Amino acid sequence: MADCLFCRIIRNEVPSRKVYEDDHTFAFEDLNPQGPTHILVIPKKHIASLKDAKAEDAELVGRCYLTAAHIARERSIEDGYRTVLNVGPRAGQSVFHLHVHLIGGRNLQWPPG
């Protein structure tokens, strides 16, 4: 999608602090971190939200989580991290391109909010 902020980040039209990239996913540091590690993992295919994903997107959504796990290993936060996928504005989604938050590096409380 041409005007999507995250699509523009993938195309390097908007700067980001890239952490990881492969053929299917792109990961970068969150601008408003909620922990020592707060990375957004996005699919390179534009999917507005999980509620808009189709059956054929299942592997791509899974790849986002596997990318998050890979980054967690690289950051040595495997002893505890959280992945969050907000769906819709009432859940806090503000950019409508599916993205997984990887948050860790500190003790995380439950319930989260």
N, C-alpha and C. Protein backbone atom coordinates (compact mmCIF):
# COMPACT_ATOMS: atom_id res chain seq x y z
N MET A 1 0.85 -1.17 0.00
CA MET A 1 0.00 0.00 0.00
C MET A 1 0.90 1.24 0.00
N ALA A 2 0.67 2.12 -0.90
CA ALA A 2 1.57 3.26 -1.14
C ALA A 2 1.72 4.20 0.04
N ASP A 3 0.65 4.49 0.77
CA ASP A 3 0.73 5.48 1.83
C ASP A 3 0.92 4.87 3.22
N CYS A 4 1.06 3.56 3.32
CA CYS A 4 1.24 2.89 4.61
C CYS A 4 2.65 3.19 5.15
N LEU A 5 2.71 3.67 6.39
CA LEU A 5 4.00 4.01 7.00
C LEU A 5 4.95 2.83 6.99
N PHE A 6 4.49 1.64 7.38
CA PHE A 6 5.39 0.50 7.46
C PHE A 6 5.81 0.02 6.07
N CYS A 7 4.93 0.11 5.08
CA CYS A 7 5.32 -0.22 3.70
C CYS A 7 6.41 0.75 3.23
N ARG A 8 6.29 2.01 3.61
CA ARG A 8 7.30 3.01 3.24
C ARG A 8 8.62 2.72 3.95
N ILE A 9 8.57 2.23 5.18
CA ILE A 9 9.80 1.85 5.89
C ILE A 9 10.47 0.69 5.17
N ILE A 10 9.71 -0.31 4.77
CA ILE A 10 10.26 -1.45 4.03
C ILE A 10 10.95 -0.99 2.76
N ARG A 11 10.36 0.00 2.08
CA ARG A 11 10.93 0.51 0.82
C ARG A 11 12.04 1.53 1.06
N ASN A 12 12.43 1.75 2.30
CA ASN A 12 13.47 2.71 2.68
C ASN A 12 13.12 4.15 2.32
N GLU A 13 11.84 4.47 2.24
CA GLU A 13 11.39 5.83 2.01
C GLU A 13 11.31 6.61 3.32
N VAL A 14 11.20 5.88 4.43
CA VAL A 14 11.16 6.46 5.77
C VAL A 14 12.27 5.76 6.56
N PRO A 15 13.11 6.52 7.24
CA PRO A 15 14.21 5.89 7.99
C PRO A 15 13.70 5.07 9.16
N SER A 16 14.44 4.02 9.48
CA SER A 16 14.16 3.19 10.65
C SER A 16 15.49 2.64 11.15
N ARG A 17 15.44 2.13 12.36
CA ARG A 17 16.63 1.46 12.91
C ARG A 17 16.43 -0.03 12.70
N LYS A 18 16.78 -0.47 11.50
CA LYS A 18 16.57 -1.86 11.09
C LYS A 18 17.39 -2.79 11.96
N VAL A 19 16.73 -3.88 12.37
CA VAL A 19 17.35 -4.91 13.19
C VAL A 19 17.56 -6.18 12.39
N TYR A 20 16.62 -6.47 11.48
CA TYR A 20 16.64 -7.74 10.76
C TYR A 20 15.80 -7.59 9.50
N GLU A 21 16.21 -8.33 8.46
CA GLU A 21 15.42 -8.38 7.23
C GLU A 21 15.71 -9.69 6.54
N ASP A 22 14.65 -10.31 6.01
CA ASP A 22 14.80 -11.47 5.14
C ASP A 22 13.81 -11.31 3.99
N ASP A 23 13.57 -12.36 3.25
CA ASP A 23 12.68 -12.26 2.09
C ASP A 23 11.23 -11.98 2.47
N HIS A 24 10.84 -12.29 3.71
CA HIS A 24 9.44 -12.22 4.10
C HIS A 24 9.14 -11.20 5.18
N THR A 25 10.14 -10.88 6.02
CA THR A 25 9.89 -10.02 7.18
C THR A 25 10.93 -8.90 7.27
N PHE A 26 10.56 -7.89 8.03
CA PHE A 26 11.42 -6.74 8.28
C PHE A 26 11.22 -6.38 9.75
N ALA A 27 12.29 -6.11 10.47
CA ALA A 27 12.18 -5.79 11.90
C ALA A 27 12.99 -4.53 12.19
N PHE A 28 12.42 -3.69 13.07
CA PHE A 28 13.09 -2.44 13.41
C PHE A 28 12.73 -2.03 14.83
N GLU A 29 13.55 -1.17 15.41
CA GLU A 29 13.35 -0.69 16.78
C GLU A 29 12.09 0.18 16.84
N ASP A 30 11.29 -0.03 17.89
CA ASP A 30 10.11 0.80 18.12
C ASP A 30 10.56 2.20 18.55
N LEU A 31 9.90 3.23 18.07
CA LEU A 31 10.25 4.61 18.42
C LEU A 31 9.84 4.99 19.84
N ASN A 32 8.91 4.22 20.43
CA ASN A 32 8.44 4.48 21.78
C ASN A 32 8.60 3.18 22.59
N PRO A 33 9.84 2.81 22.91
CA PRO A 33 10.07 1.49 23.51
C PRO A 33 9.45 1.34 24.89
N GLN A 34 8.90 0.15 25.13
CA GLN A 34 8.28 -0.19 26.40
C GLN A 34 9.17 -1.12 27.22
N GLY A 35 10.40 -1.29 26.79
CA GLY A 35 11.37 -2.11 27.50
C GLY A 35 12.73 -1.91 26.85
N PRO A 36 13.78 -2.47 27.47
CA PRO A 36 15.11 -2.36 26.87
C PRO A 36 15.16 -2.90 25.44
N THR A 37 14.39 -3.95 25.19
CA THR A 37 14.20 -4.44 23.82
C THR A 37 12.74 -4.23 23.45
N HIS A 38 12.51 -3.48 22.39
CA HIS A 38 11.16 -3.32 21.84
C HIS A 38 11.31 -3.17 20.34
N ILE A 39 11.03 -4.25 19.66
CA ILE A 39 11.23 -4.33 18.21
C ILE A 39 9.90 -4.67 17.56
N LEU A 40 9.64 -4.06 16.41
CA LEU A 40 8.46 -4.38 15.63
C LEU A 40 8.87 -5.29 14.48
N VAL A 41 8.16 -6.39 14.35
CA VAL A 41 8.41 -7.34 13.25
C VAL A 41 7.20 -7.27 12.34
N ILE A 42 7.44 -6.97 11.07
CA ILE A 42 6.35 -6.80 10.11
C ILE A 42 6.55 -7.70 8.90
N PRO A 43 5.44 -8.16 8.32
CA PRO A 43 5.57 -8.88 7.06
C PRO A 43 5.81 -7.89 5.93
N LYS A 44 6.55 -8.30 4.94
CA LYS A 44 6.77 -7.41 3.79
C LYS A 44 5.50 -7.26 2.94
N LYS A 45 4.63 -8.22 3.01
CA LYS A 45 3.32 -8.11 2.35
C LYS A 45 2.43 -7.25 3.23
N HIS A 46 1.73 -6.31 2.63
CA HIS A 46 0.81 -5.48 3.42
C HIS A 46 -0.43 -6.28 3.80
N ILE A 47 -0.60 -6.44 5.10
CA ILE A 47 -1.83 -6.98 5.69
C ILE A 47 -2.20 -5.97 6.76
N ALA A 48 -3.37 -5.37 6.66
CA ALA A 48 -3.72 -4.27 7.55
C ALA A 48 -3.75 -4.70 9.02
N SER A 49 -4.26 -5.87 9.31
CA SER A 49 -4.42 -6.32 10.69
C SER A 49 -4.64 -7.83 10.66
N LEU A 50 -4.51 -8.47 11.80
CA LEU A 50 -4.75 -9.90 11.87
C LEU A 50 -6.16 -10.24 11.40
N LYS A 51 -7.12 -9.37 11.69
CA LYS A 51 -8.50 -9.64 11.27
C LYS A 51 -8.66 -9.62 9.75
N ASP A 52 -7.68 -9.06 9.05
CA ASP A 52 -7.71 -9.00 7.58
C ASP A 52 -6.89 -10.11 6.93
N ALA A 53 -6.17 -10.89 7.73
CA ALA A 53 -5.34 -11.96 7.19
C ALA A 53 -6.22 -13.08 6.63
N LYS A 54 -5.74 -13.71 5.61
CA LYS A 54 -6.44 -14.83 4.97
C LYS A 54 -5.69 -16.12 5.29
N ALA A 55 -6.30 -17.24 4.97
CA ALA A 55 -5.68 -18.54 5.23
C ALA A 55 -4.30 -18.62 4.57
N GLU A 56 -4.17 -18.05 3.40
CA GLU A 56 -2.88 -18.11 2.70
C GLU A 56 -1.81 -17.24 3.36
N ASP A 57 -2.19 -16.41 4.32
CA ASP A 57 -1.22 -15.58 5.06
C ASP A 57 -0.71 -16.27 6.33
N ALA A 58 -1.22 -17.44 6.64
CA ALA A 58 -0.86 -18.12 7.90
C ALA A 58 0.64 -18.32 8.03
N GLU A 59 1.30 -18.77 6.98
CA GLU A 59 2.74 -18.99 7.06
C GLU A 59 3.47 -17.68 7.29
N LEU A 60 3.05 -16.62 6.65
CA LEU A 60 3.70 -15.32 6.80
C LEU A 60 3.54 -14.77 8.22
N VAL A 61 2.35 -14.92 8.79
CA VAL A 61 2.14 -14.49 10.18
C VAL A 61 3.04 -15.31 11.10
N GLY A 62 3.13 -16.61 10.85
CA GLY A 62 4.03 -17.46 11.64
C GLY A 62 5.48 -17.05 11.50
N ARG A 63 5.88 -16.67 10.30
CA ARG A 63 7.26 -16.21 10.09
C ARG A 63 7.58 -14.97 10.93
N CYS A 64 6.59 -14.10 11.12
CA CYS A 64 6.82 -12.92 11.97
C CYS A 64 7.18 -13.35 13.39
N TYR A 65 6.48 -14.35 13.91
CA TYR A 65 6.77 -14.84 15.25
C TYR A 65 8.11 -15.56 15.31
N LEU A 66 8.45 -16.30 14.28
CA LEU A 66 9.76 -16.97 14.24
C LEU A 66 10.89 -15.94 14.14
N THR A 67 10.66 -14.86 13.42
CA THR A 67 11.65 -13.79 13.37
C THR A 67 11.82 -13.16 14.74
N ALA A 68 10.72 -12.95 15.46
CA ALA A 68 10.80 -12.41 16.81
C ALA A 68 11.63 -13.34 17.70
N ALA A 69 11.41 -14.64 17.61
CA ALA A 69 12.17 -15.61 18.42
C ALA A 69 13.65 -15.57 18.06
N HIS A 70 13.95 -15.43 16.78
CA HIS A 70 15.35 -15.33 16.33
C HIS A 70 16.02 -14.10 16.94
N ILE A 71 15.34 -12.98 16.88
CA ILE A 71 15.90 -11.73 17.44
C ILE A 71 16.06 -11.86 18.95
N ALA A 72 15.09 -12.48 19.62
CA ALA A 72 15.19 -12.68 21.07
C ALA A 72 16.45 -13.49 21.41
N ARG A 73 16.75 -14.53 20.62
CA ARG A 73 17.99 -15.30 20.84
C ARG A 73 19.21 -14.42 20.64
N GLU A 74 19.20 -13.62 19.57
CA GLU A 74 20.34 -12.73 19.31
C GLU A 74 20.53 -11.71 20.43
N ARG A 75 19.45 -11.26 21.04
CA ARG A 75 19.51 -10.24 22.09
C ARG A 75 19.68 -10.85 23.49
N SER A 76 19.75 -12.18 23.54
CA SER A 76 19.92 -12.90 24.82
C SER A 76 18.81 -12.58 25.82
N ILE A 77 17.57 -12.54 25.34
CA ILE A 77 16.44 -12.30 26.24
C ILE A 77 15.51 -13.51 26.26
N GLU A 78 16.05 -14.68 25.94
CA GLU A 78 15.22 -15.88 25.88
C GLU A 78 14.63 -16.29 27.22
N ASP A 79 15.15 -15.74 28.32
CA ASP A 79 14.61 -16.11 29.63
C ASP A 79 13.27 -15.44 29.90
N GLY A 80 12.84 -14.55 29.04
CA GLY A 80 11.54 -13.93 29.19
C GLY A 80 11.34 -12.76 28.26
N TYR A 81 10.42 -12.90 27.36
CA TYR A 81 10.02 -11.80 26.48
C TYR A 81 8.56 -11.98 26.13
N ARG A 82 7.99 -10.95 25.58
CA ARG A 82 6.58 -11.00 25.21
C ARG A 82 6.46 -10.62 23.75
N THR A 83 5.55 -11.31 23.05
CA THR A 83 5.16 -10.90 21.71
C THR A 83 3.71 -10.45 21.79
N VAL A 84 3.43 -9.32 21.17
CA VAL A 84 2.10 -8.73 21.22
C VAL A 84 1.68 -8.36 19.81
N LEU A 85 0.46 -8.72 19.45
CA LEU A 85 -0.10 -8.34 18.17
C LEU A 85 -1.43 -7.66 18.46
N ASN A 86 -1.45 -6.34 18.40
CA ASN A 86 -2.67 -5.57 18.65
C ASN A 86 -3.56 -5.60 17.41
N VAL A 87 -4.84 -5.77 17.64
CA VAL A 87 -5.80 -5.84 16.53
C VAL A 87 -6.87 -4.77 16.74
N GLY A 88 -6.80 -3.73 15.93
CA GLY A 88 -7.79 -2.67 15.97
C GLY A 88 -7.43 -1.54 16.94
N PRO A 89 -8.04 -0.39 16.74
CA PRO A 89 -7.72 0.79 17.54
C PRO A 89 -8.02 0.61 19.03
N ARG A 90 -9.04 -0.14 19.39
CA ARG A 90 -9.37 -0.34 20.81
C ARG A 90 -8.31 -1.17 21.52
N ALA A 91 -7.50 -1.91 20.76
CA ALA A 91 -6.41 -2.70 21.34
C ALA A 91 -5.08 -1.95 21.28
N GLY A 92 -5.10 -0.75 20.71
CA GLY A 92 -3.89 0.05 20.63
C GLY A 92 -3.20 0.04 19.28
N GLN A 93 -3.79 -0.61 18.28
CA GLN A 93 -3.16 -0.60 16.96
C GLN A 93 -3.31 0.79 16.36
N SER A 94 -2.17 1.42 16.04
CA SER A 94 -2.21 2.77 15.47
C SER A 94 -1.67 2.82 14.04
N VAL A 95 -0.91 1.82 13.64
CA VAL A 95 -0.46 1.70 12.25
C VAL A 95 -1.11 0.44 11.71
N PHE A 96 -1.85 0.60 10.63
CA PHE A 96 -2.64 -0.52 10.11
C PHE A 96 -1.88 -1.29 9.05
N HIS A 97 -0.81 -1.91 9.54
CA HIS A 97 0.01 -2.90 8.84
C HIS A 97 0.35 -3.89 9.95
N LEU A 98 -0.06 -5.12 9.81
CA LEU A 98 0.15 -6.12 10.85
C LEU A 98 1.58 -6.04 11.36
N HIS A 99 1.74 -6.04 12.69
CA HIS A 99 3.08 -6.01 13.28
C HIS A 99 3.07 -6.69 14.64
N VAL A 100 4.14 -7.41 14.90
CA VAL A 100 4.32 -8.10 16.17
C VAL A 100 5.33 -7.30 16.98
N HIS A 101 4.95 -6.94 18.20
CA HIS A 101 5.86 -6.28 19.12
C HIS A 101 6.67 -7.36 19.84
N LEU A 102 7.97 -7.24 19.86
CA LEU A 102 8.85 -8.08 20.67
C LEU A 102 9.35 -7.19 21.79
N ILE A 103 8.96 -7.52 23.02
CA ILE A 103 9.31 -6.70 24.19
C ILE A 103 10.01 -7.58 25.21
N GLY A 104 11.15 -7.13 25.70
CA GLY A 104 11.86 -7.91 26.71
C GLY A 104 13.02 -7.12 27.29
N GLY A 105 13.82 -7.83 28.08
CA GLY A 105 14.97 -7.20 28.70
C GLY A 105 14.67 -6.65 30.08
N ARG A 106 13.46 -6.89 30.57
CA ARG A 106 13.07 -6.49 31.92
C ARG A 106 11.96 -7.44 32.37
N ASN A 107 11.64 -7.44 33.66
CA ASN A 107 10.53 -8.24 34.17
C ASN A 107 9.23 -7.65 33.63
N LEU A 108 8.40 -8.50 33.06
CA LEU A 108 7.11 -8.08 32.52
C LEU A 108 6.00 -8.54 33.45
N GLN A 109 5.07 -7.67 33.72
CA GLN A 109 3.99 -7.96 34.65
C GLN A 109 2.75 -8.47 33.91
N TRP A 110 1.87 -9.10 34.65
CA TRP A 110 0.61 -9.57 34.09
C TRP A 110 -0.50 -9.19 35.06
N PRO A 111 -1.63 -8.69 34.64
CA PRO A 111 -2.00 -8.44 33.25
C PRO A 111 -1.26 -7.23 32.69
N PRO A 112 -1.12 -7.20 31.36
CA PRO A 112 -0.31 -6.16 30.73
C PRO A 112 -0.96 -4.78 30.66
N GLY A 113 -2.25 -4.65 30.76
CA GLY A 113 -2.81 -3.32 30.62
C GLY A 113 -4.23 -3.34 30.68
